[in-house]
N, C-alpha and C. Protein backbone atom coordinates (compact mmCIF):
# COMPACT_ATOMS: atom_id res chain seq x y z
N UNK A 1 11.52 -2.89 -28.88
CA UNK A 1 10.92 -3.13 -27.56
C UNK A 1 9.54 -3.75 -27.73
N UNK A 2 9.25 -4.75 -26.91
CA UNK A 2 7.95 -5.39 -26.95
C UNK A 2 6.88 -4.48 -26.36
N UNK A 3 5.64 -4.66 -26.82
CA UNK A 3 4.53 -3.90 -26.27
C UNK A 3 3.45 -4.85 -25.80
N UNK A 4 2.68 -4.40 -24.81
CA UNK A 4 1.59 -5.20 -24.27
C UNK A 4 0.46 -5.28 -25.30
N UNK A 5 -0.01 -6.47 -25.64
CA UNK A 5 -1.09 -6.59 -26.60
C UNK A 5 -2.42 -6.07 -26.08
N UNK A 6 -2.51 -5.85 -24.77
CA UNK A 6 -3.76 -5.40 -24.18
C UNK A 6 -3.86 -3.88 -24.15
N UNK A 7 -2.82 -3.21 -23.63
CA UNK A 7 -2.88 -1.76 -23.49
C UNK A 7 -1.89 -1.03 -24.38
N UNK A 8 -1.04 -1.78 -25.07
CA UNK A 8 -0.07 -1.22 -26.03
C UNK A 8 1.03 -0.41 -25.37
N UNK A 9 1.23 -0.60 -24.08
CA UNK A 9 2.33 0.09 -23.41
C UNK A 9 3.58 -0.76 -23.52
N UNK A 10 4.78 -0.12 -23.49
CA UNK A 10 6.04 -0.87 -23.61
C UNK A 10 6.22 -1.86 -22.46
N UNK A 11 6.87 -2.97 -22.76
CA UNK A 11 7.19 -3.99 -21.77
C UNK A 11 8.70 -4.07 -21.63
N UNK A 12 9.20 -3.90 -20.42
CA UNK A 12 10.63 -4.08 -20.16
C UNK A 12 10.93 -5.56 -20.13
N UNK A 13 11.89 -5.98 -20.93
CA UNK A 13 12.17 -7.41 -21.06
C UNK A 13 12.66 -8.05 -19.78
N UNK A 14 13.26 -7.25 -18.88
CA UNK A 14 13.81 -7.83 -17.65
C UNK A 14 12.85 -7.75 -16.47
N UNK A 15 11.60 -7.35 -16.70
CA UNK A 15 10.61 -7.25 -15.63
C UNK A 15 9.55 -8.32 -15.78
N UNK A 16 9.02 -8.85 -14.65
CA UNK A 16 7.87 -9.77 -14.76
C UNK A 16 6.70 -9.04 -15.38
N UNK A 17 5.98 -9.70 -16.27
CA UNK A 17 4.95 -9.02 -17.06
C UNK A 17 3.56 -9.33 -16.54
N UNK A 18 2.86 -8.28 -16.10
CA UNK A 18 1.45 -8.36 -15.72
C UNK A 18 0.78 -7.11 -16.25
N UNK A 19 -0.39 -7.23 -16.84
CA UNK A 19 -1.13 -6.06 -17.29
C UNK A 19 -2.45 -6.00 -16.55
N UNK A 20 -2.64 -4.93 -15.79
CA UNK A 20 -3.87 -4.73 -15.02
C UNK A 20 -4.72 -3.62 -15.63
N UNK A 21 -4.36 -3.16 -16.81
CA UNK A 21 -5.06 -2.02 -17.42
C UNK A 21 -6.54 -2.32 -17.59
N UNK A 22 -7.35 -1.39 -17.15
CA UNK A 22 -8.80 -1.52 -17.34
C UNK A 22 -9.49 -2.47 -16.39
N UNK A 23 -8.75 -3.08 -15.46
CA UNK A 23 -9.36 -4.02 -14.53
C UNK A 23 -10.08 -3.27 -13.42
N UNK A 24 -11.36 -3.48 -13.28
CA UNK A 24 -12.12 -2.88 -12.19
C UNK A 24 -12.96 -3.97 -11.53
N UNK A 25 -12.85 -4.10 -10.23
CA UNK A 25 -13.53 -5.14 -9.49
C UNK A 25 -14.66 -4.54 -8.66
N UNK A 26 -15.63 -5.38 -8.31
CA UNK A 26 -16.76 -4.95 -7.50
C UNK A 26 -16.70 -5.64 -6.16
N UNK A 27 -16.96 -4.85 -5.08
CA UNK A 27 -16.82 -5.34 -3.72
C UNK A 27 -18.06 -5.00 -2.90
N UNK A 28 -18.41 -5.88 -1.96
CA UNK A 28 -19.50 -5.61 -1.02
C UNK A 28 -18.95 -5.62 0.39
N UNK A 29 -19.37 -4.61 1.18
CA UNK A 29 -18.92 -4.52 2.57
C UNK A 29 -19.74 -5.47 3.44
N UNK A 30 -19.05 -6.23 4.27
CA UNK A 30 -19.72 -7.19 5.15
C UNK A 30 -20.49 -6.48 6.26
N UNK A 31 -20.14 -5.23 6.56
CA UNK A 31 -20.79 -4.51 7.66
C UNK A 31 -21.96 -3.65 7.19
N UNK A 32 -21.70 -2.73 6.24
CA UNK A 32 -22.76 -1.81 5.82
C UNK A 32 -23.48 -2.26 4.55
N UNK A 33 -22.92 -3.25 3.84
CA UNK A 33 -23.57 -3.80 2.66
C UNK A 33 -23.40 -2.99 1.40
N UNK A 34 -22.72 -1.85 1.46
CA UNK A 34 -22.55 -1.03 0.27
C UNK A 34 -21.60 -1.69 -0.72
N UNK A 35 -21.86 -1.46 -2.00
CA UNK A 35 -21.02 -2.00 -3.06
C UNK A 35 -20.09 -0.89 -3.56
N UNK A 36 -18.81 -1.20 -3.69
CA UNK A 36 -17.82 -0.26 -4.19
C UNK A 36 -17.14 -0.86 -5.41
N UNK A 37 -16.72 -0.01 -6.32
CA UNK A 37 -16.04 -0.46 -7.52
C UNK A 37 -14.64 0.15 -7.57
N UNK A 38 -13.67 -0.66 -7.93
CA UNK A 38 -12.29 -0.20 -8.04
C UNK A 38 -11.34 -1.37 -7.99
N UNK A 39 -10.10 -1.11 -8.36
CA UNK A 39 -9.09 -2.18 -8.38
C UNK A 39 -8.65 -2.54 -6.96
N UNK A 40 -8.49 -1.53 -6.09
CA UNK A 40 -8.04 -1.77 -4.73
C UNK A 40 -8.44 -0.61 -3.84
N UNK A 41 -8.56 -0.90 -2.52
CA UNK A 41 -8.89 0.12 -1.53
C UNK A 41 -7.89 0.00 -0.38
N UNK A 42 -7.60 1.11 0.33
CA UNK A 42 -6.63 1.04 1.42
C UNK A 42 -6.95 -0.06 2.43
N UNK A 43 -5.99 -0.98 2.61
CA UNK A 43 -6.09 -2.09 3.55
C UNK A 43 -7.27 -3.03 3.27
N UNK A 44 -7.90 -2.93 2.10
CA UNK A 44 -9.04 -3.77 1.80
C UNK A 44 -10.26 -3.44 2.62
N UNK A 45 -10.33 -2.17 3.13
CA UNK A 45 -11.45 -1.74 3.96
C UNK A 45 -12.47 -0.96 3.16
N UNK A 46 -13.72 -1.06 3.58
CA UNK A 46 -14.81 -0.31 2.95
C UNK A 46 -14.53 1.19 3.05
N UNK A 47 -14.63 1.93 1.96
CA UNK A 47 -14.39 3.38 2.02
C UNK A 47 -15.48 4.14 2.78
N UNK A 48 -16.60 3.47 3.07
CA UNK A 48 -17.72 4.14 3.74
C UNK A 48 -17.72 3.93 5.26
N UNK A 49 -17.41 2.68 5.70
CA UNK A 49 -17.54 2.41 7.14
C UNK A 49 -16.36 1.66 7.74
N UNK A 50 -15.33 1.37 6.94
CA UNK A 50 -14.14 0.66 7.38
C UNK A 50 -14.36 -0.84 7.56
N UNK A 51 -15.51 -1.36 7.11
CA UNK A 51 -15.75 -2.79 7.19
C UNK A 51 -14.91 -3.57 6.20
N UNK A 52 -14.95 -4.91 6.29
CA UNK A 52 -14.17 -5.78 5.42
C UNK A 52 -14.88 -5.97 4.09
N UNK A 53 -14.14 -5.76 3.00
CA UNK A 53 -14.70 -5.93 1.66
C UNK A 53 -14.53 -7.36 1.16
N UNK A 54 -15.55 -7.83 0.45
CA UNK A 54 -15.50 -9.14 -0.20
C UNK A 54 -15.79 -8.95 -1.69
N UNK A 55 -15.01 -9.65 -2.53
CA UNK A 55 -15.19 -9.52 -3.96
C UNK A 55 -16.52 -10.13 -4.41
N UNK A 56 -17.26 -9.37 -5.21
CA UNK A 56 -18.55 -9.85 -5.70
C UNK A 56 -18.40 -10.74 -6.92
N UNK A 57 -17.56 -10.31 -7.83
CA UNK A 57 -17.41 -11.08 -9.07
C UNK A 57 -16.09 -10.72 -9.71
N UNK A 58 -15.64 -11.54 -10.57
CA UNK A 58 -14.41 -11.26 -11.30
C UNK A 58 -14.57 -11.80 -12.71
N UNK A 59 -14.19 -10.98 -13.67
CA UNK A 59 -14.24 -11.40 -15.06
C UNK A 59 -13.08 -12.32 -15.38
N UNK A 60 -12.95 -12.64 -16.63
CA UNK A 60 -11.86 -13.51 -17.08
C UNK A 60 -10.56 -12.72 -17.07
N UNK A 61 -9.66 -13.06 -16.17
CA UNK A 61 -8.37 -12.40 -16.06
C UNK A 61 -7.28 -13.45 -16.14
N UNK A 62 -6.30 -13.22 -16.97
CA UNK A 62 -5.20 -14.16 -17.07
C UNK A 62 -4.33 -14.08 -15.83
N UNK A 63 -3.92 -15.26 -15.34
CA UNK A 63 -3.01 -15.36 -14.20
C UNK A 63 -3.58 -14.65 -12.98
N UNK A 64 -4.65 -15.23 -12.41
CA UNK A 64 -5.32 -14.63 -11.27
C UNK A 64 -4.39 -14.44 -10.07
N UNK A 65 -3.44 -15.38 -9.86
CA UNK A 65 -2.57 -15.28 -8.70
C UNK A 65 -1.67 -14.06 -8.80
N UNK A 66 -1.13 -13.80 -9.98
CA UNK A 66 -0.27 -12.63 -10.16
C UNK A 66 -1.09 -11.35 -10.01
N UNK A 67 -2.31 -11.35 -10.54
CA UNK A 67 -3.17 -10.17 -10.42
C UNK A 67 -3.51 -9.89 -8.96
N UNK A 68 -3.73 -10.95 -8.19
CA UNK A 68 -4.03 -10.78 -6.77
C UNK A 68 -2.83 -10.17 -6.03
N UNK A 69 -1.63 -10.58 -6.42
CA UNK A 69 -0.44 -10.02 -5.79
C UNK A 69 -0.34 -8.52 -6.06
N UNK A 70 -0.63 -8.11 -7.29
CA UNK A 70 -0.59 -6.69 -7.62
C UNK A 70 -1.65 -5.92 -6.84
N UNK A 71 -2.86 -6.49 -6.77
CA UNK A 71 -3.95 -5.81 -6.07
C UNK A 71 -3.63 -5.64 -4.59
N UNK A 72 -3.08 -6.68 -3.95
CA UNK A 72 -2.72 -6.59 -2.55
C UNK A 72 -1.64 -5.52 -2.33
N UNK A 73 -0.72 -5.46 -3.28
CA UNK A 73 0.32 -4.43 -3.17
C UNK A 73 -0.29 -3.04 -3.20
N UNK A 74 -1.26 -2.82 -4.08
CA UNK A 74 -1.91 -1.52 -4.17
C UNK A 74 -2.71 -1.22 -2.91
N UNK A 75 -3.36 -2.22 -2.33
CA UNK A 75 -4.10 -2.01 -1.09
C UNK A 75 -3.19 -1.42 0.00
N UNK A 76 -2.03 -2.04 0.16
CA UNK A 76 -1.12 -1.63 1.22
C UNK A 76 -0.49 -0.28 0.90
N UNK A 77 -0.09 -0.08 -0.36
CA UNK A 77 0.53 1.19 -0.73
C UNK A 77 -0.49 2.34 -0.63
N UNK A 78 -1.73 2.09 -1.03
CA UNK A 78 -2.76 3.10 -0.89
C UNK A 78 -2.97 3.48 0.57
N UNK A 79 -3.00 2.46 1.43
CA UNK A 79 -3.18 2.71 2.85
C UNK A 79 -2.03 3.51 3.42
N UNK A 80 -0.80 3.15 3.04
CA UNK A 80 0.37 3.87 3.53
C UNK A 80 0.37 5.32 3.08
N UNK A 81 0.06 5.54 1.81
CA UNK A 81 0.06 6.90 1.28
C UNK A 81 -1.01 7.74 1.96
N UNK A 82 -2.21 7.19 2.11
CA UNK A 82 -3.30 7.92 2.75
C UNK A 82 -2.95 8.24 4.21
N UNK A 83 -2.33 7.27 4.90
CA UNK A 83 -1.95 7.50 6.29
C UNK A 83 -0.94 8.64 6.40
N UNK A 84 0.11 8.60 5.58
CA UNK A 84 1.15 9.61 5.68
C UNK A 84 0.62 11.00 5.32
N UNK A 85 -0.26 11.06 4.33
CA UNK A 85 -0.82 12.36 3.97
C UNK A 85 -1.66 12.93 5.12
N UNK A 86 -2.49 12.07 5.73
CA UNK A 86 -3.33 12.52 6.83
C UNK A 86 -2.49 12.86 8.06
N UNK A 87 -1.46 12.04 8.32
CA UNK A 87 -0.58 12.31 9.46
C UNK A 87 0.14 13.64 9.28
N UNK A 88 0.54 13.94 8.05
CA UNK A 88 1.22 15.21 7.77
C UNK A 88 0.28 16.38 8.03
N UNK A 89 -1.00 16.22 7.72
CA UNK A 89 -1.96 17.30 7.95
C UNK A 89 -2.30 17.46 9.42
N UNK A 90 -2.38 16.34 10.15
CA UNK A 90 -2.86 16.38 11.53
C UNK A 90 -1.77 16.61 12.56
N UNK A 91 -0.52 16.34 12.21
CA UNK A 91 0.56 16.44 13.20
C UNK A 91 0.70 17.87 13.70
N UNK A 92 0.84 18.03 15.02
CA UNK A 92 1.03 19.36 15.61
C UNK A 92 2.49 19.81 15.53
N UNK A 93 3.38 18.86 15.44
CA UNK A 93 4.81 19.15 15.38
C UNK A 93 5.20 19.43 13.92
N UNK A 94 5.84 20.58 13.69
CA UNK A 94 6.23 20.98 12.33
C UNK A 94 7.19 19.97 11.71
N UNK A 95 8.12 19.46 12.51
CA UNK A 95 9.08 18.48 12.00
C UNK A 95 8.37 17.21 11.54
N UNK A 96 7.37 16.79 12.32
CA UNK A 96 6.62 15.59 11.94
C UNK A 96 5.80 15.84 10.68
N UNK A 97 5.23 17.03 10.54
CA UNK A 97 4.47 17.34 9.33
C UNK A 97 5.35 17.21 8.09
N UNK A 98 6.56 17.75 8.18
CA UNK A 98 7.47 17.67 7.05
C UNK A 98 7.91 16.24 6.78
N UNK A 99 8.19 15.50 7.85
CA UNK A 99 8.65 14.13 7.71
C UNK A 99 7.60 13.25 7.06
N UNK A 100 6.35 13.30 7.57
CA UNK A 100 5.31 12.46 7.01
C UNK A 100 4.92 12.92 5.60
N UNK A 101 5.11 14.19 5.32
CA UNK A 101 4.91 14.65 3.95
C UNK A 101 5.90 14.00 3.01
N UNK A 102 7.14 13.83 3.46
CA UNK A 102 8.15 13.16 2.63
C UNK A 102 7.82 11.68 2.46
N UNK A 103 7.33 11.05 3.53
CA UNK A 103 6.94 9.65 3.42
C UNK A 103 5.75 9.47 2.47
N UNK A 104 4.83 10.42 2.48
CA UNK A 104 3.70 10.37 1.55
C UNK A 104 4.20 10.43 0.11
N UNK A 105 5.18 11.30 -0.14
CA UNK A 105 5.75 11.40 -1.48
C UNK A 105 6.47 10.10 -1.86
N UNK A 106 7.13 9.47 -0.89
CA UNK A 106 7.81 8.21 -1.14
C UNK A 106 6.82 7.11 -1.53
N UNK A 107 5.70 7.03 -0.80
CA UNK A 107 4.68 6.02 -1.12
C UNK A 107 4.05 6.30 -2.48
N UNK A 108 3.83 7.58 -2.79
CA UNK A 108 3.27 7.93 -4.08
C UNK A 108 4.19 7.49 -5.22
N UNK A 109 5.48 7.71 -5.02
CA UNK A 109 6.45 7.31 -6.03
C UNK A 109 6.45 5.79 -6.22
N UNK A 110 6.31 5.06 -5.09
CA UNK A 110 6.28 3.60 -5.19
C UNK A 110 5.03 3.14 -5.94
N UNK A 111 3.90 3.77 -5.67
CA UNK A 111 2.68 3.40 -6.39
C UNK A 111 2.81 3.70 -7.88
N UNK A 112 3.45 4.80 -8.21
CA UNK A 112 3.64 5.14 -9.62
C UNK A 112 4.53 4.11 -10.32
N UNK A 113 5.53 3.61 -9.57
CA UNK A 113 6.39 2.56 -10.12
C UNK A 113 5.59 1.29 -10.39
N UNK A 114 4.76 0.90 -9.42
CA UNK A 114 3.90 -0.27 -9.61
C UNK A 114 2.96 -0.06 -10.78
N UNK A 115 2.40 1.15 -10.89
CA UNK A 115 1.45 1.45 -11.96
C UNK A 115 2.11 1.29 -13.33
N UNK A 116 3.33 1.81 -13.47
CA UNK A 116 4.03 1.71 -14.75
C UNK A 116 4.44 0.27 -15.04
N UNK A 117 4.90 -0.41 -14.03
CA UNK A 117 5.43 -1.76 -14.23
C UNK A 117 4.34 -2.76 -14.58
N UNK A 118 3.17 -2.62 -13.94
CA UNK A 118 2.11 -3.60 -14.13
C UNK A 118 0.90 -3.04 -14.86
N UNK A 119 1.07 -1.86 -15.46
CA UNK A 119 0.05 -1.28 -16.34
C UNK A 119 -1.30 -1.16 -15.64
N UNK A 120 -1.27 -0.78 -14.37
CA UNK A 120 -2.49 -0.62 -13.59
C UNK A 120 -2.79 0.86 -13.42
N UNK A 121 -4.06 1.23 -13.52
CA UNK A 121 -4.45 2.62 -13.29
C UNK A 121 -4.17 2.99 -11.84
N UNK A 122 -3.59 4.15 -11.63
CA UNK A 122 -3.23 4.58 -10.28
C UNK A 122 -4.46 5.10 -9.56
N UNK A 123 -4.91 4.43 -8.49
CA UNK A 123 -6.11 4.89 -7.77
C UNK A 123 -5.84 6.20 -7.05
N UNK A 124 -6.87 7.02 -6.95
CA UNK A 124 -6.75 8.28 -6.22
C UNK A 124 -6.92 8.02 -4.72
N UNK A 125 -6.07 8.62 -3.88
CA UNK A 125 -6.22 8.44 -2.43
C UNK A 125 -7.49 9.10 -1.92
N UNK A 126 -8.02 8.54 -0.84
CA UNK A 126 -9.24 9.07 -0.25
C UNK A 126 -8.93 10.32 0.56
N UNK A 127 -9.68 11.39 0.30
CA UNK A 127 -9.44 12.65 1.01
C UNK A 127 -9.91 12.58 2.46
N UNK A 128 -10.85 11.67 2.76
CA UNK A 128 -11.40 11.60 4.12
C UNK A 128 -10.83 10.43 4.91
N UNK A 129 -9.65 9.97 4.53
CA UNK A 129 -9.03 8.85 5.23
C UNK A 129 -8.85 9.19 6.70
N UNK A 130 -9.15 8.23 7.57
CA UNK A 130 -9.04 8.43 9.01
C UNK A 130 -7.84 7.65 9.55
N UNK A 131 -7.08 8.29 10.44
CA UNK A 131 -5.91 7.63 11.00
C UNK A 131 -6.28 6.37 11.77
N UNK A 132 -7.52 6.32 12.26
CA UNK A 132 -7.95 5.13 12.98
C UNK A 132 -7.89 3.89 12.09
N UNK A 133 -8.08 4.05 10.79
CA UNK A 133 -8.01 2.89 9.89
C UNK A 133 -6.62 2.27 9.92
N UNK A 134 -5.59 3.12 9.86
CA UNK A 134 -4.23 2.62 9.91
C UNK A 134 -3.93 1.97 11.25
N UNK A 135 -4.46 2.56 12.33
CA UNK A 135 -4.24 1.99 13.67
C UNK A 135 -4.87 0.61 13.77
N UNK A 136 -6.08 0.46 13.20
CA UNK A 136 -6.76 -0.85 13.21
C UNK A 136 -5.93 -1.87 12.45
N UNK A 137 -5.47 -1.48 11.25
CA UNK A 137 -4.68 -2.40 10.43
C UNK A 137 -3.38 -2.77 11.12
N UNK A 138 -2.74 -1.79 11.76
CA UNK A 138 -1.44 -2.03 12.38
C UNK A 138 -1.55 -2.72 13.72
N UNK A 139 -2.75 -2.72 14.33
CA UNK A 139 -2.91 -3.32 15.65
C UNK A 139 -2.32 -2.47 16.75
N UNK A 140 -2.31 -1.14 16.57
CA UNK A 140 -1.76 -0.21 17.55
C UNK A 140 -2.87 0.71 18.04
N UNK A 141 -2.93 0.95 19.35
CA UNK A 141 -3.93 1.86 19.89
C UNK A 141 -3.71 3.27 19.35
N UNK A 142 -4.79 3.93 18.99
CA UNK A 142 -4.71 5.30 18.48
C UNK A 142 -4.69 6.26 19.66
N UNK A 143 -3.65 7.10 19.75
CA UNK A 143 -3.51 8.06 20.83
C UNK A 143 -3.23 9.44 20.22
N UNK A 144 -4.28 10.18 19.90
CA UNK A 144 -4.09 11.47 19.22
C UNK A 144 -3.21 12.45 19.96
N UNK A 145 -3.16 12.34 21.29
CA UNK A 145 -2.38 13.30 22.07
C UNK A 145 -0.89 12.98 22.06
N UNK A 146 -0.51 11.83 21.52
CA UNK A 146 0.89 11.38 21.55
C UNK A 146 1.46 11.39 20.14
N UNK A 147 2.32 12.37 19.78
CA UNK A 147 2.87 12.41 18.42
C UNK A 147 3.70 11.19 18.07
N UNK A 148 4.35 10.58 19.08
CA UNK A 148 5.14 9.39 18.81
C UNK A 148 4.27 8.23 18.33
N UNK A 149 2.97 8.30 18.66
CA UNK A 149 2.06 7.25 18.24
C UNK A 149 1.98 7.14 16.73
N UNK A 150 2.14 8.27 16.02
CA UNK A 150 2.14 8.25 14.57
C UNK A 150 3.29 7.38 14.05
N UNK A 151 4.44 7.51 14.67
CA UNK A 151 5.58 6.68 14.29
C UNK A 151 5.29 5.21 14.56
N UNK A 152 4.73 4.91 15.73
CA UNK A 152 4.49 3.52 16.09
C UNK A 152 3.49 2.87 15.14
N UNK A 153 2.45 3.61 14.76
CA UNK A 153 1.48 3.08 13.80
C UNK A 153 2.16 2.83 12.46
N UNK A 154 2.93 3.81 12.00
CA UNK A 154 3.59 3.68 10.69
C UNK A 154 4.53 2.49 10.66
N UNK A 155 5.35 2.34 11.69
CA UNK A 155 6.30 1.22 11.74
C UNK A 155 5.56 -0.11 11.80
N UNK A 156 4.49 -0.15 12.60
CA UNK A 156 3.74 -1.40 12.76
C UNK A 156 3.08 -1.84 11.46
N UNK A 157 2.47 -0.92 10.71
CA UNK A 157 1.81 -1.41 9.50
C UNK A 157 2.80 -1.67 8.38
N UNK A 158 3.96 -1.00 8.38
CA UNK A 158 4.98 -1.35 7.40
C UNK A 158 5.53 -2.75 7.71
N UNK A 159 5.69 -3.08 9.00
CA UNK A 159 6.16 -4.42 9.36
C UNK A 159 5.12 -5.47 9.02
N UNK A 160 3.84 -5.15 9.19
CA UNK A 160 2.80 -6.09 8.79
C UNK A 160 2.84 -6.34 7.30
N UNK A 161 3.15 -5.30 6.54
CA UNK A 161 3.28 -5.47 5.09
C UNK A 161 4.44 -6.39 4.76
N UNK A 162 5.58 -6.22 5.46
CA UNK A 162 6.73 -7.11 5.26
C UNK A 162 6.32 -8.55 5.51
N UNK A 163 5.68 -8.79 6.66
CA UNK A 163 5.29 -10.15 7.04
C UNK A 163 4.34 -10.75 6.02
N UNK A 164 3.38 -9.94 5.54
CA UNK A 164 2.41 -10.44 4.58
C UNK A 164 3.08 -10.83 3.27
N UNK A 165 3.88 -9.92 2.72
CA UNK A 165 4.51 -10.20 1.44
C UNK A 165 5.50 -11.37 1.53
N UNK A 166 6.24 -11.45 2.63
CA UNK A 166 7.18 -12.55 2.80
C UNK A 166 6.43 -13.88 2.89
N UNK A 167 5.33 -13.90 3.64
CA UNK A 167 4.55 -15.13 3.80
C UNK A 167 3.93 -15.58 2.47
N UNK A 168 3.35 -14.62 1.73
CA UNK A 168 2.74 -14.97 0.46
C UNK A 168 3.79 -15.39 -0.56
N UNK A 169 4.97 -14.77 -0.49
CA UNK A 169 6.04 -15.17 -1.39
C UNK A 169 6.48 -16.60 -1.19
N UNK A 170 6.52 -17.02 0.08
CA UNK A 170 6.89 -18.41 0.38
C UNK A 170 5.83 -19.39 -0.13
N UNK A 171 4.59 -18.97 -0.14
CA UNK A 171 3.51 -19.85 -0.58
C UNK A 171 3.42 -19.95 -2.10
N UNK A 172 3.89 -18.93 -2.81
CA UNK A 172 3.77 -18.91 -4.26
C UNK A 172 4.72 -19.93 -4.89
N UNK A 173 4.36 -20.49 -6.04
CA UNK A 173 5.21 -21.49 -6.70
C UNK A 173 6.57 -20.93 -7.09
N UNK A 174 7.60 -21.77 -7.01
CA UNK A 174 8.93 -21.36 -7.45
C UNK A 174 8.90 -20.92 -8.90
N UNK A 175 9.57 -19.81 -9.19
CA UNK A 175 9.66 -19.34 -10.56
C UNK A 175 8.46 -18.58 -11.06
N UNK A 176 7.42 -18.42 -10.22
CA UNK A 176 6.21 -17.73 -10.67
C UNK A 176 6.40 -16.22 -10.60
N UNK A 177 5.60 -15.50 -11.39
CA UNK A 177 5.66 -14.04 -11.40
C UNK A 177 5.29 -13.49 -10.03
N UNK A 178 4.25 -14.07 -9.42
CA UNK A 178 3.80 -13.53 -8.15
C UNK A 178 4.83 -13.74 -7.04
N UNK A 179 5.60 -14.85 -7.11
CA UNK A 179 6.64 -15.07 -6.10
C UNK A 179 7.70 -13.97 -6.17
N UNK A 180 8.11 -13.65 -7.39
CA UNK A 180 9.10 -12.59 -7.56
C UNK A 180 8.55 -11.24 -7.12
N UNK A 181 7.27 -11.00 -7.43
CA UNK A 181 6.65 -9.74 -7.04
C UNK A 181 6.59 -9.61 -5.52
N UNK A 182 6.16 -10.68 -4.84
CA UNK A 182 6.07 -10.63 -3.38
C UNK A 182 7.45 -10.41 -2.74
N UNK A 183 8.48 -11.04 -3.29
CA UNK A 183 9.83 -10.86 -2.77
C UNK A 183 10.28 -9.41 -2.95
N UNK A 184 9.99 -8.86 -4.10
CA UNK A 184 10.34 -7.46 -4.37
C UNK A 184 9.63 -6.52 -3.40
N UNK A 185 8.34 -6.75 -3.18
CA UNK A 185 7.56 -5.88 -2.30
C UNK A 185 8.01 -6.02 -0.85
N UNK A 186 8.32 -7.24 -0.41
CA UNK A 186 8.80 -7.45 0.95
C UNK A 186 10.10 -6.68 1.19
N UNK A 187 10.99 -6.72 0.20
CA UNK A 187 12.25 -6.00 0.33
C UNK A 187 12.02 -4.49 0.43
N UNK A 188 11.08 -3.99 -0.37
CA UNK A 188 10.77 -2.56 -0.34
C UNK A 188 10.23 -2.15 1.02
N UNK A 189 9.34 -2.97 1.58
CA UNK A 189 8.75 -2.63 2.88
C UNK A 189 9.76 -2.76 4.01
N UNK A 190 10.70 -3.70 3.91
CA UNK A 190 11.76 -3.80 4.93
C UNK A 190 12.57 -2.51 4.96
N UNK A 191 12.83 -1.96 3.79
CA UNK A 191 13.56 -0.70 3.73
C UNK A 191 12.77 0.42 4.40
N UNK A 192 11.44 0.41 4.21
CA UNK A 192 10.59 1.41 4.84
C UNK A 192 10.63 1.28 6.37
N UNK A 193 10.58 0.04 6.87
CA UNK A 193 10.64 -0.19 8.32
C UNK A 193 11.94 0.35 8.88
N UNK A 194 13.05 0.04 8.21
CA UNK A 194 14.36 0.49 8.69
C UNK A 194 14.45 2.02 8.68
N UNK A 195 13.95 2.63 7.63
CA UNK A 195 14.00 4.08 7.52
C UNK A 195 13.14 4.75 8.58
N UNK A 196 11.92 4.24 8.77
CA UNK A 196 11.03 4.79 9.78
C UNK A 196 11.61 4.63 11.19
N UNK A 197 12.19 3.47 11.46
CA UNK A 197 12.77 3.22 12.78
C UNK A 197 13.91 4.19 13.06
N UNK A 198 14.75 4.41 12.05
CA UNK A 198 15.86 5.36 12.21
C UNK A 198 15.33 6.77 12.44
N UNK A 199 14.34 7.17 11.66
CA UNK A 199 13.77 8.51 11.82
C UNK A 199 13.13 8.67 13.21
N UNK A 200 12.48 7.63 13.67
CA UNK A 200 11.83 7.68 14.99
C UNK A 200 12.87 7.88 16.09
N UNK A 201 13.96 7.12 16.03
CA UNK A 201 15.00 7.23 17.06
C UNK A 201 15.65 8.61 17.02
N UNK A 202 15.88 9.13 15.83
CA UNK A 202 16.50 10.46 15.73
C UNK A 202 15.53 11.53 16.23
N UNK A 203 14.25 11.37 15.93
CA UNK A 203 13.26 12.33 16.41
C UNK A 203 13.18 12.32 17.93
N UNK A 204 13.25 11.11 18.52
CA UNK A 204 13.18 10.99 19.99
C UNK A 204 14.34 11.71 20.67
N UNK A 205 15.49 11.72 20.03
CA UNK A 205 16.68 12.32 20.64
C UNK A 205 16.90 13.75 20.17
N UNK A 206 15.98 14.26 19.35
CA UNK A 206 16.09 15.66 18.90
C UNK A 206 17.05 15.87 17.75
N UNK A 207 17.48 14.79 17.11
CA UNK A 207 18.42 14.92 16.01
C UNK A 207 17.66 15.15 14.70
N UNK A 208 18.32 15.74 13.73
CA UNK A 208 17.71 15.95 12.41
C UNK A 208 17.52 14.60 11.72
N UNK A 209 16.42 14.49 10.96
CA UNK A 209 16.15 13.26 10.23
C UNK A 209 17.12 13.07 9.08
N UNK A 210 17.15 11.86 8.53
CA UNK A 210 18.06 11.56 7.42
C UNK A 210 17.40 11.80 6.07
N UNK A 211 16.06 12.00 6.05
CA UNK A 211 15.40 12.26 4.78
C UNK A 211 15.66 13.70 4.35
């Protein structure tokens, strides 16, 4: 089995090869001006004030386009995981707490898969994540008194992830690593949209979920 010359981890011959090990980027918030360090943040938002982050500098990294695809994937997966964990804690309905807990575990598993595949350190989710961040990203009004709103936010930002990955995949060169990565991620998010939509409809009618 081949190994990565950078981090010495095994490389699966049938997987696109990207190594993100040890990559840490620096970001400045356009709103509060604070500088944050890390590979990715939920939805690309400032962890302090939810403002838009801009990259300050980048070292010499091979295949910047592929690395950007991996980083964007982590941004969205981090946001999804943080949202589901917070939704599970805040939901008043016991069934919803259990459901979003399962979705949080699903997102965590997906991030672990990305981490192993692309040799990227798995970022820790933010403990103070606010549901309003997911609502802003998804373009859905936040209505704390409406439990169905959690479903609508979740479905909306998963669909935005589908649209983003599909669009970027079309823009990437044929045969490139990032094109294959974007296609893979779009397919994964489509499955999430379908699963969430089914769970939402079953919850509305009082039926047991399929998870």
